[in-house]
């Protein structure tokens, strides 16, 4: 069995080498996302499930925002909240 300290140290190392991204939430604390590509997180407000939606339009949106704002965008976090298909039943 692995100690909680080992788990947290490992997650901290993975964050530092950009292998996972920490997602902090008001309810449920932090989650860790291994998908470092441009995507949307779909968060279920009932069961807490987080699903990834890879959306091609995000790349275009990121480029348009960078051009319009004169920012060099180095990160993102896009979330949609609602109820997953299981919780809708």
Protein backbone atom coordinates (compact mmCIF):
# COMPACT_ATOMS: atom_id res chain seq x y z
CA UNK A 1 0.00 0.00 0.00
CA UNK A 2 1.27 3.46 -0.92
CA UNK A 3 1.22 6.26 1.65
CA UNK A 4 -0.82 9.41 0.95
CA UNK A 5 2.40 11.45 1.23
CA UNK A 6 3.92 9.48 -1.65
CA UNK A 7 0.82 10.06 -3.77
CA UNK A 8 0.85 13.83 -3.14
CA UNK A 9 4.60 14.11 -3.78
CA UNK A 10 4.18 12.20 -7.04
CA UNK A 11 1.27 14.41 -8.14
CA UNK A 12 3.32 17.51 -7.27
CA UNK A 13 6.21 16.22 -9.41
CA UNK A 14 3.86 15.43 -12.32
CA UNK A 15 2.50 19.01 -12.11
CA UNK A 16 6.02 20.45 -12.17
CA UNK A 17 6.96 18.52 -15.31
CA UNK A 18 3.61 19.43 -16.99
CA UNK A 19 2.28 15.88 -17.16
CA UNK A 20 -0.92 16.66 -15.23
CA UNK A 21 -2.89 19.82 -14.50
CA UNK A 22 -4.49 20.42 -11.10
CA UNK A 23 -8.12 21.45 -11.28
CA UNK A 24 -9.36 23.05 -8.09
CA UNK A 25 -13.11 22.98 -7.44
CA UNK A 26 -15.16 24.61 -4.68
CA UNK A 27 -16.94 21.30 -4.06
CA UNK A 28 -14.77 18.21 -3.97
CA UNK A 29 -11.33 19.80 -3.66
CA UNK A 30 -8.72 19.25 -6.33
CA UNK A 31 -8.72 16.85 -9.26
CA UNK A 32 -5.85 16.10 -11.60
CA UNK A 33 -6.24 16.10 -15.37
CA UNK A 34 -3.70 14.18 -17.47
CA UNK A 35 -5.12 15.62 -20.71
CA UNK A 36 -2.81 18.54 -21.43
CA UNK A 37 -4.29 19.17 -24.89
CA UNK A 38 -6.79 21.94 -25.62
CA UNK A 39 -10.16 20.60 -24.40
CA UNK A 40 -13.31 21.39 -22.43
CA UNK A 41 -14.04 19.85 -19.04
CA UNK A 42 -17.69 18.84 -18.63
CA UNK A 43 -18.45 18.81 -14.89
CA UNK A 44 -21.56 17.09 -13.53
CA UNK A 45 -23.03 19.09 -10.66
CA UNK A 46 -24.79 16.05 -9.21
CA UNK A 47 -22.26 13.18 -9.22
CA UNK A 48 -19.04 15.18 -9.73
CA UNK A 49 -17.94 13.30 -12.85
CA UNK A 50 -15.57 15.22 -15.10
CA UNK A 51 -15.46 14.32 -18.78
CA UNK A 52 -13.22 15.72 -21.50
CA UNK A 53 -14.59 17.10 -24.73
CA UNK A 54 -11.96 17.60 -27.40
CA UNK A 55 -13.24 20.40 -29.57
CA UNK A 56 -11.48 21.50 -32.74
CA UNK A 57 -13.01 24.99 -32.53
CA UNK A 58 -11.00 25.74 -29.38
CA UNK A 59 -7.77 26.11 -31.33
CA UNK A 60 -9.38 28.75 -33.54
CA UNK A 61 -10.89 30.48 -30.49
CA UNK A 62 -7.51 30.53 -28.73
CA UNK A 63 -5.85 32.09 -31.78
CA UNK A 64 -8.62 34.69 -32.18
CA UNK A 65 -8.44 35.68 -28.50
CA UNK A 66 -4.65 35.98 -28.69
CA UNK A 67 -4.87 38.19 -31.78
CA UNK A 68 -7.70 40.38 -30.44
CA UNK A 69 -6.09 40.87 -27.02
CA UNK A 70 -2.42 40.91 -28.05
CA UNK A 71 -1.77 38.20 -25.43
CA UNK A 72 0.64 35.32 -25.73
CA UNK A 73 -1.63 32.66 -24.26
CA UNK A 74 0.26 30.07 -22.23
CA UNK A 75 -2.63 28.18 -20.64
CA UNK A 76 -6.34 27.69 -20.49
CA UNK A 77 -9.15 26.16 -18.48
CA UNK A 78 -12.62 25.85 -19.95
CA UNK A 79 -15.43 24.16 -18.05
CA UNK A 80 -19.11 23.63 -18.67
CA UNK A 81 -21.31 22.65 -15.75
CA UNK A 82 -24.53 20.67 -15.89
CA UNK A 83 -25.83 17.13 -15.43
CA UNK A 84 -24.34 14.06 -17.13
CA UNK A 85 -26.55 11.63 -19.02
CA UNK A 86 -26.65 9.22 -16.04
CA UNK A 87 -27.82 11.90 -13.61
CA UNK A 88 -30.49 13.15 -16.01
CA UNK A 89 -32.36 9.84 -15.73
